């Protein structure tokens, strides 16, 4: 794949997610204009490991995903509103100088061959998420069907997308979300998501015990 325009973010994005963006910084206005001139308007999104989105000088992760521009509007004075759909995962081969926006040579990175995915293990993660959501709801005195929150995550029939979809429904931080994205195999993604669920459950139980 040739050099790709890149948009570092303070959050990790997973395939299948929607990404709305408001563009106002001149270098990213230039990025959007470059993308819109292409047959498939898309750019890469990666997690900022240190630093900030605005102004540069950030430290960027080397695993990201393509953001396909599905809709856009020109708001004037170089501004844009974008609605993007996150697609294929990639690895950064080499970062290029920002000129004027971040750019990198990348390669698409589908899941590598690995141990078979245990569907029962994914169902177990789903069940634990349901129990977590219903536990939080009961403490707050509201009625929630946890199944409604996770319902539809496995409609594609693809275990990788099922895992990504479950991860988007879980209130996890950027590091845990990135671990799900950067897992080499689907089986490793099961382990990463299971660990993330454990972390959230432990955090919630601690907060409830303190409250």
N, C-alpha and C. Protein backbone atom coordinates (compact mmCIF):
# COMPACT_ATOMS: atom_id res chain seq x y z
N UNK A 1 0.86 -1.19 0.00
CA UNK A 1 0.00 0.00 0.00
C UNK A 1 0.89 1.24 0.00
N UNK A 2 0.56 2.26 -0.78
CA UNK A 2 1.38 3.48 -0.80
C UNK A 2 1.26 4.26 0.50
N UNK A 3 1.95 5.36 0.56
CA UNK A 3 1.90 6.22 1.73
C UNK A 3 0.47 6.69 1.98
N UNK A 4 0.06 6.64 3.23
CA UNK A 4 -1.33 6.91 3.59
C UNK A 4 -1.41 8.14 4.49
N UNK A 5 -2.35 9.06 4.23
CA UNK A 5 -2.59 10.15 5.19
C UNK A 5 -3.03 9.56 6.52
N UNK A 6 -2.55 10.15 7.60
CA UNK A 6 -2.81 9.59 8.93
C UNK A 6 -3.41 10.65 9.86
N UNK A 7 -4.33 10.20 10.69
CA UNK A 7 -4.98 11.08 11.67
C UNK A 7 -4.82 10.44 13.04
N UNK A 8 -3.81 10.82 13.81
CA UNK A 8 -3.65 10.28 15.17
C UNK A 8 -4.77 10.78 16.08
N UNK A 9 -5.24 9.90 16.94
CA UNK A 9 -6.34 10.22 17.86
C UNK A 9 -5.95 9.83 19.29
N UNK A 10 -6.64 10.41 20.25
CA UNK A 10 -6.40 10.07 21.65
C UNK A 10 -7.26 8.87 22.07
N UNK A 11 -7.73 8.12 21.10
CA UNK A 11 -8.50 6.91 21.37
C UNK A 11 -8.21 5.91 20.26
N UNK A 12 -8.33 4.63 20.59
CA UNK A 12 -8.19 3.59 19.59
C UNK A 12 -9.54 3.35 18.93
N UNK A 13 -9.51 3.09 17.63
CA UNK A 13 -10.74 2.82 16.88
C UNK A 13 -10.69 1.39 16.36
N UNK A 14 -11.84 0.72 16.39
CA UNK A 14 -11.93 -0.67 15.98
C UNK A 14 -12.75 -0.81 14.70
N UNK A 15 -12.41 -1.79 13.85
CA UNK A 15 -13.20 -2.03 12.65
C UNK A 15 -14.69 -2.16 12.97
N UNK A 16 -15.50 -1.51 12.14
CA UNK A 16 -16.95 -1.53 12.33
C UNK A 16 -17.50 -0.32 13.05
N UNK A 17 -16.63 0.46 13.72
CA UNK A 17 -17.09 1.64 14.45
C UNK A 17 -17.35 2.80 13.50
N UNK A 18 -18.17 3.74 13.97
CA UNK A 18 -18.39 5.01 13.29
C UNK A 18 -17.49 6.06 13.93
N UNK A 19 -16.94 6.93 13.11
CA UNK A 19 -16.07 7.99 13.62
C UNK A 19 -16.51 9.33 13.05
N UNK A 20 -17.25 10.13 13.84
CA UNK A 20 -17.56 11.49 13.41
C UNK A 20 -16.39 12.42 13.76
N UNK A 21 -16.05 13.31 12.87
CA UNK A 21 -14.95 14.24 13.10
C UNK A 21 -15.35 15.64 12.65
N UNK A 22 -14.88 16.62 13.41
CA UNK A 22 -14.99 18.02 12.99
C UNK A 22 -13.57 18.51 12.71
N UNK A 23 -13.32 18.88 11.48
CA UNK A 23 -11.98 19.27 11.04
C UNK A 23 -11.88 20.79 10.99
N UNK A 24 -10.86 21.33 11.63
CA UNK A 24 -10.65 22.78 11.58
C UNK A 24 -9.17 23.14 11.48
N UNK A 25 -8.28 22.23 11.90
CA UNK A 25 -6.85 22.52 11.84
C UNK A 25 -6.38 22.48 10.39
N UNK A 26 -5.61 23.48 9.93
CA UNK A 26 -5.26 23.56 8.50
C UNK A 26 -4.62 22.30 7.93
N UNK A 27 -3.74 21.65 8.70
CA UNK A 27 -3.07 20.48 8.13
C UNK A 27 -4.07 19.34 7.90
N UNK A 28 -5.08 19.23 8.75
CA UNK A 28 -6.07 18.17 8.54
C UNK A 28 -7.11 18.56 7.51
N UNK A 29 -7.30 19.86 7.27
CA UNK A 29 -8.11 20.29 6.13
C UNK A 29 -7.43 19.84 4.84
N UNK A 30 -6.12 19.97 4.79
CA UNK A 30 -5.37 19.50 3.62
C UNK A 30 -5.49 17.99 3.47
N UNK A 31 -5.47 17.26 4.60
CA UNK A 31 -5.63 15.80 4.55
C UNK A 31 -6.99 15.44 3.95
N UNK A 32 -8.04 16.11 4.39
CA UNK A 32 -9.39 15.81 3.88
C UNK A 32 -9.45 16.10 2.38
N UNK A 33 -8.89 17.20 1.95
CA UNK A 33 -8.92 17.55 0.53
C UNK A 33 -8.19 16.50 -0.30
N UNK A 34 -7.07 15.99 0.22
CA UNK A 34 -6.35 14.93 -0.48
C UNK A 34 -7.21 13.68 -0.58
N UNK A 35 -7.86 13.30 0.53
CA UNK A 35 -8.68 12.10 0.54
C UNK A 35 -9.86 12.21 -0.41
N UNK A 36 -10.52 13.38 -0.42
CA UNK A 36 -11.72 13.54 -1.25
C UNK A 36 -11.39 13.50 -2.74
N UNK A 37 -10.14 13.73 -3.08
CA UNK A 37 -9.73 13.65 -4.48
C UNK A 37 -9.48 12.22 -4.92
N UNK A 38 -9.49 11.27 -3.99
CA UNK A 38 -9.22 9.87 -4.30
C UNK A 38 -10.51 9.13 -4.61
N UNK A 39 -10.39 8.00 -5.31
CA UNK A 39 -11.56 7.17 -5.63
C UNK A 39 -12.20 6.62 -4.36
N UNK A 40 -11.37 6.20 -3.41
CA UNK A 40 -11.85 5.70 -2.13
C UNK A 40 -11.31 6.63 -1.05
N UNK A 41 -12.07 7.66 -0.67
CA UNK A 41 -11.56 8.62 0.31
C UNK A 41 -11.38 7.98 1.69
N UNK A 42 -10.14 7.77 2.07
CA UNK A 42 -9.85 7.10 3.34
C UNK A 42 -8.51 7.58 3.87
N UNK A 43 -8.38 7.50 5.19
CA UNK A 43 -7.11 7.82 5.85
C UNK A 43 -6.93 6.85 6.99
N UNK A 44 -5.74 6.82 7.56
CA UNK A 44 -5.48 5.94 8.67
C UNK A 44 -5.69 6.63 10.00
N UNK A 45 -6.20 5.89 10.99
CA UNK A 45 -6.30 6.42 12.35
C UNK A 45 -5.48 5.52 13.27
N UNK A 46 -4.70 6.14 14.12
CA UNK A 46 -3.87 5.42 15.09
C UNK A 46 -4.01 6.09 16.45
N UNK A 47 -3.73 5.33 17.49
CA UNK A 47 -3.79 5.84 18.85
C UNK A 47 -2.55 6.67 19.17
N UNK A 48 -2.76 7.82 19.77
CA UNK A 48 -1.66 8.61 20.31
C UNK A 48 -1.26 8.01 21.65
N UNK A 49 -0.04 7.54 21.76
CA UNK A 49 0.43 6.92 23.01
C UNK A 49 0.89 7.97 24.01
N UNK A 50 1.36 9.10 23.52
CA UNK A 50 1.78 10.21 24.39
C UNK A 50 1.68 11.49 23.58
N UNK A 51 1.32 12.59 24.25
CA UNK A 51 1.16 13.85 23.55
C UNK A 51 -0.31 14.13 23.30
N UNK A 52 -0.57 15.04 22.33
CA UNK A 52 -1.93 15.47 22.07
C UNK A 52 -2.20 15.50 20.58
N UNK A 53 -3.52 15.53 20.25
CA UNK A 53 -3.92 15.55 18.85
C UNK A 53 -3.52 16.86 18.18
N UNK A 54 -3.70 17.96 18.88
CA UNK A 54 -3.50 19.28 18.29
C UNK A 54 -2.05 19.70 18.42
N UNK A 55 -1.47 20.15 17.32
CA UNK A 55 -0.14 20.75 17.36
C UNK A 55 1.01 19.83 17.07
N UNK A 56 0.79 18.53 16.98
CA UNK A 56 1.88 17.60 16.66
C UNK A 56 2.74 17.30 17.87
N UNK A 57 3.91 16.70 17.63
CA UNK A 57 4.81 16.34 18.71
C UNK A 57 4.34 15.15 19.51
N UNK A 58 3.47 14.34 18.94
CA UNK A 58 2.90 13.21 19.65
C UNK A 58 3.70 11.93 19.37
N UNK A 59 3.49 10.93 20.22
CA UNK A 59 4.05 9.60 20.01
C UNK A 59 2.91 8.68 19.58
N UNK A 60 3.07 8.01 18.44
CA UNK A 60 1.95 7.31 17.83
C UNK A 60 2.16 5.80 17.85
N UNK A 61 1.05 5.07 17.97
CA UNK A 61 1.11 3.62 17.90
C UNK A 61 1.32 3.18 16.45
N UNK A 62 1.71 1.93 16.28
CA UNK A 62 2.02 1.42 14.95
C UNK A 62 1.00 0.42 14.43
N UNK A 63 -0.15 0.33 15.08
CA UNK A 63 -1.26 -0.46 14.57
C UNK A 63 -2.48 0.46 14.54
N UNK A 64 -3.16 0.47 13.41
CA UNK A 64 -4.34 1.33 13.29
C UNK A 64 -5.34 0.71 12.34
N UNK A 65 -6.27 1.53 11.86
CA UNK A 65 -7.31 1.05 10.95
C UNK A 65 -7.67 2.16 9.98
N UNK A 66 -8.17 1.76 8.82
CA UNK A 66 -8.59 2.72 7.81
C UNK A 66 -9.92 3.35 8.19
N UNK A 67 -10.01 4.66 8.02
CA UNK A 67 -11.26 5.40 8.22
C UNK A 67 -11.76 5.82 6.84
N UNK A 68 -12.85 5.20 6.40
CA UNK A 68 -13.44 5.51 5.11
C UNK A 68 -14.46 6.64 5.28
N UNK A 69 -14.29 7.70 4.51
CA UNK A 69 -15.21 8.84 4.61
C UNK A 69 -16.52 8.47 3.94
N UNK A 70 -17.57 8.30 4.73
CA UNK A 70 -18.88 7.92 4.19
C UNK A 70 -19.70 9.15 3.82
N UNK A 71 -19.58 10.20 4.62
CA UNK A 71 -20.31 11.45 4.38
C UNK A 71 -19.43 12.61 4.82
N UNK A 72 -19.62 13.75 4.15
CA UNK A 72 -18.88 14.93 4.58
C UNK A 72 -19.66 16.18 4.20
N UNK A 73 -19.35 17.25 4.92
CA UNK A 73 -19.89 18.56 4.56
C UNK A 73 -18.80 19.59 4.74
N UNK A 74 -18.74 20.53 3.81
CA UNK A 74 -17.78 21.62 3.85
C UNK A 74 -18.42 22.75 4.65
N UNK A 75 -17.83 23.08 5.81
CA UNK A 75 -18.40 24.10 6.67
C UNK A 75 -17.80 25.49 6.43
N UNK A 76 -16.90 25.58 5.44
CA UNK A 76 -16.31 26.87 5.11
C UNK A 76 -15.04 27.15 5.88
N UNK A 77 -14.23 28.04 5.33
CA UNK A 77 -12.97 28.46 5.96
C UNK A 77 -12.07 27.26 6.25
N UNK A 78 -12.11 26.26 5.38
CA UNK A 78 -11.25 25.09 5.56
C UNK A 78 -11.78 24.05 6.53
N UNK A 79 -13.00 24.24 7.00
CA UNK A 79 -13.56 23.30 7.96
C UNK A 79 -14.41 22.23 7.29
N UNK A 80 -14.46 21.05 7.93
CA UNK A 80 -15.26 19.94 7.41
C UNK A 80 -15.90 19.19 8.58
N UNK A 81 -17.04 18.62 8.30
CA UNK A 81 -17.62 17.62 9.19
C UNK A 81 -17.62 16.30 8.45
N UNK A 82 -17.09 15.28 9.10
CA UNK A 82 -16.96 13.98 8.47
C UNK A 82 -17.72 12.93 9.26
N UNK A 83 -18.26 11.96 8.55
CA UNK A 83 -18.74 10.73 9.18
C UNK A 83 -17.98 9.59 8.52
N UNK A 84 -17.16 8.90 9.29
CA UNK A 84 -16.29 7.86 8.75
C UNK A 84 -16.68 6.49 9.31
N UNK A 85 -16.42 5.47 8.53
CA UNK A 85 -16.62 4.09 8.96
C UNK A 85 -15.25 3.43 9.05
N UNK A 86 -14.96 2.84 10.21
CA UNK A 86 -13.65 2.22 10.41
C UNK A 86 -13.64 0.85 9.74
N UNK A 87 -12.60 0.62 8.95
CA UNK A 87 -12.49 -0.62 8.19
C UNK A 87 -11.25 -1.41 8.52
N UNK A 88 -10.48 -1.73 7.51
CA UNK A 88 -9.39 -2.68 7.60
C UNK A 88 -8.28 -2.24 8.57
N UNK A 89 -7.75 -3.21 9.28
CA UNK A 89 -6.63 -2.97 10.19
C UNK A 89 -5.32 -2.94 9.40
N UNK A 90 -4.37 -2.16 9.88
CA UNK A 90 -3.06 -2.11 9.23
C UNK A 90 -1.95 -1.97 10.26
N UNK A 91 -0.74 -2.23 9.78
CA UNK A 91 0.47 -1.95 10.55
C UNK A 91 1.25 -0.85 9.85
N UNK A 92 1.84 0.04 10.63
CA UNK A 92 2.69 1.08 10.08
C UNK A 92 4.08 0.49 9.82
N UNK A 93 4.55 0.65 8.59
CA UNK A 93 5.89 0.19 8.24
C UNK A 93 6.92 1.28 8.50
N UNK A 94 6.54 2.52 8.19
CA UNK A 94 7.47 3.63 8.39
C UNK A 94 6.70 4.94 8.41
N UNK A 95 6.95 5.73 9.43
CA UNK A 95 6.37 7.07 9.48
C UNK A 95 7.17 8.00 8.58
N UNK A 96 6.45 8.84 7.84
CA UNK A 96 7.06 9.83 6.96
C UNK A 96 6.99 11.20 7.64
N UNK A 97 7.78 12.16 7.18
CA UNK A 97 7.67 13.50 7.75
C UNK A 97 6.27 14.08 7.54
N UNK A 98 5.78 14.82 8.54
CA UNK A 98 4.49 15.49 8.41
C UNK A 98 4.62 16.58 7.34
N UNK A 99 3.87 16.44 6.25
CA UNK A 99 4.04 17.40 5.16
C UNK A 99 2.74 17.58 4.37
N UNK A 100 1.78 18.37 4.84
CA UNK A 100 1.77 19.06 6.14
C UNK A 100 1.16 18.20 7.25
N UNK A 101 0.46 17.12 6.86
CA UNK A 101 -0.20 16.26 7.84
C UNK A 101 0.59 14.97 8.01
N UNK A 102 0.34 14.22 9.09
CA UNK A 102 1.05 12.95 9.29
C UNK A 102 0.81 11.98 8.12
N UNK A 103 1.84 11.24 7.79
CA UNK A 103 1.76 10.26 6.71
C UNK A 103 2.62 9.05 7.09
N UNK A 104 2.25 7.89 6.56
CA UNK A 104 3.01 6.68 6.87
C UNK A 104 2.83 5.66 5.75
N UNK A 105 3.87 4.87 5.55
CA UNK A 105 3.75 3.69 4.71
C UNK A 105 3.18 2.58 5.57
N UNK A 106 2.13 1.92 5.09
CA UNK A 106 1.44 0.92 5.89
C UNK A 106 1.23 -0.35 5.07
N UNK A 107 0.90 -1.43 5.76
CA UNK A 107 0.44 -2.65 5.11
C UNK A 107 -0.81 -3.13 5.83
N UNK A 108 -1.78 -3.60 5.06
CA UNK A 108 -2.97 -4.17 5.69
C UNK A 108 -2.57 -5.38 6.51
N UNK A 109 -3.24 -5.57 7.65
CA UNK A 109 -2.85 -6.63 8.58
C UNK A 109 -4.07 -7.42 9.02
N UNK A 110 -4.51 -8.37 8.21
CA UNK A 110 -5.57 -9.27 8.66
C UNK A 110 -5.05 -10.15 9.78
N UNK A 111 -5.96 -10.79 10.49
CA UNK A 111 -5.55 -11.68 11.57
C UNK A 111 -4.62 -12.76 11.04
N UNK A 112 -3.59 -13.05 11.82
CA UNK A 112 -2.65 -14.10 11.46
C UNK A 112 -3.23 -15.46 11.83
N UNK A 113 -2.74 -16.54 11.19
CA UNK A 113 -3.20 -17.88 11.58
C UNK A 113 -2.85 -18.14 13.04
N UNK A 114 -3.74 -18.81 13.72
CA UNK A 114 -3.51 -19.10 15.14
C UNK A 114 -4.43 -20.20 15.61
N UNK A 115 -4.51 -20.33 16.91
CA UNK A 115 -5.38 -21.34 17.50
C UNK A 115 -6.83 -21.07 17.11
N UNK A 116 -7.62 -22.12 16.95
CA UNK A 116 -9.04 -21.92 16.61
C UNK A 116 -9.74 -21.08 17.68
N UNK A 117 -10.66 -20.27 17.22
CA UNK A 117 -11.43 -19.44 18.15
C UNK A 117 -12.51 -20.29 18.80
N UNK A 118 -12.54 -20.25 20.12
CA UNK A 118 -13.54 -20.99 20.88
C UNK A 118 -14.79 -20.11 21.01
N UNK A 119 -15.81 -20.47 20.27
CA UNK A 119 -17.05 -19.68 20.29
C UNK A 119 -17.63 -19.63 21.69
N UNK A 120 -17.50 -20.72 22.44
CA UNK A 120 -18.02 -20.73 23.82
C UNK A 120 -17.30 -19.69 24.67
N UNK A 121 -16.01 -19.46 24.38
CA UNK A 121 -15.26 -18.45 25.13
C UNK A 121 -15.79 -17.05 24.83
N UNK A 122 -16.16 -16.82 23.57
CA UNK A 122 -16.74 -15.51 23.23
C UNK A 122 -18.12 -15.36 23.88
N UNK A 123 -18.90 -16.43 23.86
CA UNK A 123 -20.20 -16.38 24.53
C UNK A 123 -20.05 -16.11 26.02
N UNK A 124 -19.00 -16.66 26.61
CA UNK A 124 -18.75 -16.42 28.04
C UNK A 124 -18.44 -14.94 28.28
N UNK A 125 -17.65 -14.33 27.40
CA UNK A 125 -17.37 -12.90 27.51
C UNK A 125 -18.67 -12.11 27.41
N UNK A 126 -19.50 -12.49 26.45
CA UNK A 126 -20.77 -11.82 26.26
C UNK A 126 -21.63 -11.93 27.52
N UNK A 127 -21.69 -13.12 28.11
CA UNK A 127 -22.48 -13.33 29.33
C UNK A 127 -21.96 -12.48 30.48
N UNK A 128 -20.65 -12.39 30.60
CA UNK A 128 -20.07 -11.58 31.68
C UNK A 128 -20.36 -10.10 31.47
N UNK A 129 -20.37 -9.67 30.22
CA UNK A 129 -20.73 -8.28 29.94
C UNK A 129 -22.18 -8.01 30.29
N UNK A 130 -23.05 -8.94 29.95
CA UNK A 130 -24.47 -8.79 30.29
C UNK A 130 -24.64 -8.67 31.81
N UNK A 131 -23.97 -9.54 32.54
CA UNK A 131 -24.05 -9.50 34.01
C UNK A 131 -23.53 -8.17 34.54
N UNK A 132 -22.46 -7.65 33.94
CA UNK A 132 -21.89 -6.38 34.36
C UNK A 132 -22.88 -5.24 34.15
N UNK A 133 -23.48 -5.16 32.97
CA UNK A 133 -24.42 -4.08 32.68
C UNK A 133 -25.63 -4.15 33.60
N UNK A 134 -26.12 -5.35 33.87
CA UNK A 134 -27.29 -5.50 34.73
C UNK A 134 -26.95 -5.20 36.19
N UNK A 135 -25.72 -5.49 36.59
CA UNK A 135 -25.27 -5.16 37.95
C UNK A 135 -25.24 -3.65 38.13
N UNK A 136 -24.68 -2.94 37.16
CA UNK A 136 -24.61 -1.48 37.24
C UNK A 136 -26.02 -0.89 37.28
N UNK A 137 -26.90 -1.43 36.43
CA UNK A 137 -28.27 -0.92 36.36
C UNK A 137 -29.00 -1.14 37.68
N UNK A 138 -28.81 -2.29 38.30
CA UNK A 138 -29.52 -2.58 39.55
C UNK A 138 -29.10 -1.63 40.66
N UNK A 139 -27.81 -1.30 40.69
CA UNK A 139 -27.32 -0.37 41.71
C UNK A 139 -27.91 1.02 41.49
N UNK A 140 -28.09 1.38 40.22
CA UNK A 140 -28.64 2.69 39.89
C UNK A 140 -30.16 2.71 39.99
N UNK A 141 -30.76 1.56 40.26
CA UNK A 141 -32.21 1.50 40.42
C UNK A 141 -32.97 1.59 39.11
N UNK A 142 -32.34 1.15 38.02
CA UNK A 142 -33.02 1.17 36.73
C UNK A 142 -33.05 -0.25 36.18
N UNK A 143 -33.99 -0.46 35.26
CA UNK A 143 -34.11 -1.77 34.64
C UNK A 143 -33.42 -1.75 33.27
N UNK A 144 -32.50 -2.67 33.07
CA UNK A 144 -31.77 -2.78 31.80
C UNK A 144 -31.68 -4.25 31.43
N UNK A 145 -31.95 -4.54 30.19
CA UNK A 145 -31.71 -5.88 29.68
C UNK A 145 -30.33 -5.88 29.04
N UNK A 146 -29.37 -6.48 29.72
CA UNK A 146 -28.01 -6.48 29.22
C UNK A 146 -27.88 -7.10 27.85
N UNK A 147 -28.80 -8.04 27.54
CA UNK A 147 -28.75 -8.67 26.21
C UNK A 147 -29.02 -7.66 25.10
N UNK A 148 -29.83 -6.65 25.42
CA UNK A 148 -30.11 -5.64 24.40
C UNK A 148 -28.84 -4.86 24.04
N UNK A 149 -27.94 -4.71 25.01
CA UNK A 149 -26.71 -3.94 24.76
C UNK A 149 -25.77 -4.71 23.85
N UNK A 150 -25.67 -6.01 24.04
CA UNK A 150 -24.72 -6.81 23.25
C UNK A 150 -25.37 -7.42 22.02
N UNK A 151 -26.71 -7.32 21.92
CA UNK A 151 -27.41 -7.97 20.80
C UNK A 151 -26.92 -7.41 19.47
N UNK A 152 -26.73 -8.30 18.50
CA UNK A 152 -26.31 -7.89 17.16
C UNK A 152 -24.82 -7.88 16.95
N UNK A 153 -24.05 -8.11 18.02
CA UNK A 153 -22.60 -8.05 17.88
C UNK A 153 -22.05 -9.17 17.00
N UNK A 154 -22.80 -10.28 16.88
CA UNK A 154 -22.28 -11.43 16.13
C UNK A 154 -23.02 -11.66 14.82
N UNK A 155 -23.71 -10.65 14.31
CA UNK A 155 -24.53 -10.84 13.12
C UNK A 155 -23.70 -11.13 11.87
N UNK A 156 -22.46 -10.67 11.81
CA UNK A 156 -21.65 -10.85 10.61
C UNK A 156 -21.21 -12.30 10.42
N UNK A 157 -21.20 -13.09 11.49
CA UNK A 157 -20.69 -14.44 11.41
C UNK A 157 -19.18 -14.53 11.41
N UNK A 158 -18.51 -13.39 11.54
CA UNK A 158 -17.05 -13.33 11.56
C UNK A 158 -16.61 -13.16 13.01
N UNK A 159 -15.87 -14.15 13.58
CA UNK A 159 -15.47 -14.03 14.98
C UNK A 159 -14.68 -12.76 15.27
N UNK A 160 -13.82 -12.34 14.32
CA UNK A 160 -13.04 -11.13 14.55
C UNK A 160 -13.95 -9.91 14.71
N UNK A 161 -14.94 -9.76 13.81
CA UNK A 161 -15.85 -8.62 13.90
C UNK A 161 -16.75 -8.74 15.11
N UNK A 162 -17.09 -9.95 15.50
CA UNK A 162 -17.89 -10.17 16.71
C UNK A 162 -17.14 -9.64 17.92
N UNK A 163 -15.86 -9.96 18.01
CA UNK A 163 -15.03 -9.50 19.12
C UNK A 163 -14.87 -7.98 19.10
N UNK A 164 -14.63 -7.43 17.92
CA UNK A 164 -14.52 -5.97 17.81
C UNK A 164 -15.81 -5.31 18.28
N UNK A 165 -16.96 -5.85 17.83
CA UNK A 165 -18.25 -5.26 18.19
C UNK A 165 -18.49 -5.32 19.69
N UNK A 166 -18.15 -6.43 20.31
CA UNK A 166 -18.30 -6.53 21.77
C UNK A 166 -17.42 -5.50 22.47
N UNK A 167 -16.20 -5.35 21.98
CA UNK A 167 -15.28 -4.39 22.61
C UNK A 167 -15.81 -2.97 22.54
N UNK A 168 -16.51 -2.62 21.46
CA UNK A 168 -17.05 -1.27 21.34
C UNK A 168 -18.18 -1.02 22.33
N UNK A 169 -18.81 -2.08 22.82
CA UNK A 169 -19.90 -1.94 23.77
C UNK A 169 -19.42 -1.91 25.22
N UNK A 170 -18.14 -2.17 25.44
CA UNK A 170 -17.58 -2.24 26.78
C UNK A 170 -16.90 -0.92 27.14
N UNK A 171 -17.16 -0.35 28.32
CA UNK A 171 -16.53 0.92 28.71
C UNK A 171 -15.08 0.72 29.15
N UNK A 172 -14.19 0.58 28.16
CA UNK A 172 -12.78 0.35 28.46
C UNK A 172 -11.95 1.54 28.01
N UNK A 173 -10.76 1.66 28.57
CA UNK A 173 -9.86 2.74 28.24
C UNK A 173 -9.12 2.50 26.93
N UNK A 174 -8.37 3.51 26.47
CA UNK A 174 -7.66 3.40 25.20
C UNK A 174 -6.66 2.24 25.16
N UNK A 175 -5.97 1.98 26.27
CA UNK A 175 -4.96 0.91 26.27
C UNK A 175 -5.60 -0.46 26.08
N UNK A 176 -6.70 -0.72 26.79
CA UNK A 176 -7.38 -2.00 26.65
C UNK A 176 -7.99 -2.15 25.26
N UNK A 177 -8.53 -1.07 24.74
CA UNK A 177 -9.12 -1.11 23.41
C UNK A 177 -8.04 -1.35 22.36
N UNK A 178 -6.90 -0.72 22.55
CA UNK A 178 -5.78 -0.93 21.62
C UNK A 178 -5.29 -2.37 21.68
N UNK A 179 -5.28 -2.96 22.87
CA UNK A 179 -4.86 -4.35 23.00
C UNK A 179 -5.76 -5.28 22.19
N UNK A 180 -7.05 -4.97 22.16
CA UNK A 180 -7.98 -5.76 21.34
C UNK A 180 -7.66 -5.57 19.86
N UNK A 181 -7.40 -4.34 19.45
CA UNK A 181 -7.07 -4.06 18.05
C UNK A 181 -5.77 -4.73 17.63
N UNK A 182 -4.75 -4.67 18.48
CA UNK A 182 -3.41 -5.09 18.11
C UNK A 182 -3.14 -6.57 18.31
N UNK A 183 -4.13 -7.33 18.78
CA UNK A 183 -3.93 -8.78 18.95
C UNK A 183 -3.63 -9.42 17.60
N UNK A 184 -2.62 -10.26 17.55
CA UNK A 184 -2.17 -10.84 16.28
C UNK A 184 -3.19 -11.80 15.69
N UNK A 185 -3.87 -12.55 16.55
CA UNK A 185 -4.82 -13.56 16.10
C UNK A 185 -6.16 -13.35 16.78
N UNK A 186 -7.18 -13.99 16.23
CA UNK A 186 -8.50 -13.89 16.85
C UNK A 186 -8.49 -14.50 18.25
N UNK A 187 -7.74 -15.59 18.43
CA UNK A 187 -7.66 -16.22 19.75
C UNK A 187 -7.02 -15.28 20.76
N UNK A 188 -5.97 -14.56 20.34
CA UNK A 188 -5.35 -13.58 21.24
C UNK A 188 -6.30 -12.43 21.54
N UNK A 189 -7.18 -12.11 20.58
CA UNK A 189 -8.16 -11.05 20.82
C UNK A 189 -9.19 -11.49 21.85
N UNK A 190 -9.55 -12.77 21.83
CA UNK A 190 -10.44 -13.30 22.87
C UNK A 190 -9.82 -13.08 24.24
N UNK A 191 -8.53 -13.41 24.37
CA UNK A 191 -7.85 -13.25 25.66
C UNK A 191 -7.78 -11.78 26.07
N UNK A 192 -7.49 -10.89 25.10
CA UNK A 192 -7.38 -9.46 25.41
C UNK A 192 -8.73 -8.89 25.86
N UNK A 193 -9.80 -9.30 25.19
CA UNK A 193 -11.13 -8.79 25.56
C UNK A 193 -11.57 -9.37 26.90
N UNK A 194 -11.25 -10.64 27.15
CA UNK A 194 -11.60 -11.25 28.44
C UNK A 194 -10.91 -10.52 29.58
N UNK A 195 -9.65 -10.18 29.37
CA UNK A 195 -8.90 -9.44 30.40
C UNK A 195 -9.50 -8.05 30.60
N UNK A 196 -9.93 -7.42 29.51
CA UNK A 196 -10.54 -6.09 29.63
C UNK A 196 -11.84 -6.16 30.43
N UNK A 197 -12.63 -7.20 30.20
CA UNK A 197 -13.87 -7.38 30.98
C UNK A 197 -13.54 -7.54 32.46
N UNK A 198 -12.54 -8.36 32.76
CA UNK A 198 -12.13 -8.54 34.16
C UNK A 198 -11.75 -7.21 34.80
N UNK A 199 -11.03 -6.38 34.04
CA UNK A 199 -10.60 -5.08 34.57
C UNK A 199 -11.79 -4.19 34.88
N UNK A 200 -12.76 -4.14 33.96
CA UNK A 200 -13.93 -3.29 34.18
C UNK A 200 -14.76 -3.81 35.35
N UNK A 201 -14.94 -5.12 35.43
CA UNK A 201 -15.72 -5.70 36.54
C UNK A 201 -15.06 -5.36 37.88
N UNK A 202 -13.74 -5.52 37.96
CA UNK A 202 -13.02 -5.23 39.20
C UNK A 202 -13.16 -3.75 39.57
N UNK A 203 -13.06 -2.88 38.57
CA UNK A 203 -13.17 -1.44 38.82
C UNK A 203 -14.57 -1.09 39.32
N UNK A 204 -15.58 -1.66 38.68
CA UNK A 204 -16.97 -1.38 39.08
C UNK A 204 -17.23 -1.88 40.50
N UNK A 205 -16.79 -3.09 40.80
CA UNK A 205 -17.02 -3.63 42.14
C UNK A 205 -16.29 -2.81 43.21
N UNK A 206 -15.10 -2.32 42.86
CA UNK A 206 -14.36 -1.48 43.83
C UNK A 206 -15.13 -0.18 44.07
N UNK A 207 -15.61 0.44 42.99
CA UNK A 207 -16.33 1.70 43.14
C UNK A 207 -17.62 1.50 43.94
N UNK A 208 -18.30 0.37 43.71
CA UNK A 208 -19.53 0.11 44.46
C UNK A 208 -19.25 -0.14 45.93
N UNK A 209 -18.13 -0.82 46.21
CA UNK A 209 -17.79 -1.08 47.61
C UNK A 209 -17.41 0.19 48.34
N UNK A 210 -16.82 1.13 47.60
CA UNK A 210 -16.43 2.41 48.22
C UNK A 210 -17.64 3.34 48.40
N UNK A 211 -18.62 3.14 47.52
CA UNK A 211 -19.78 4.05 47.55
C UNK A 211 -20.77 3.70 48.62
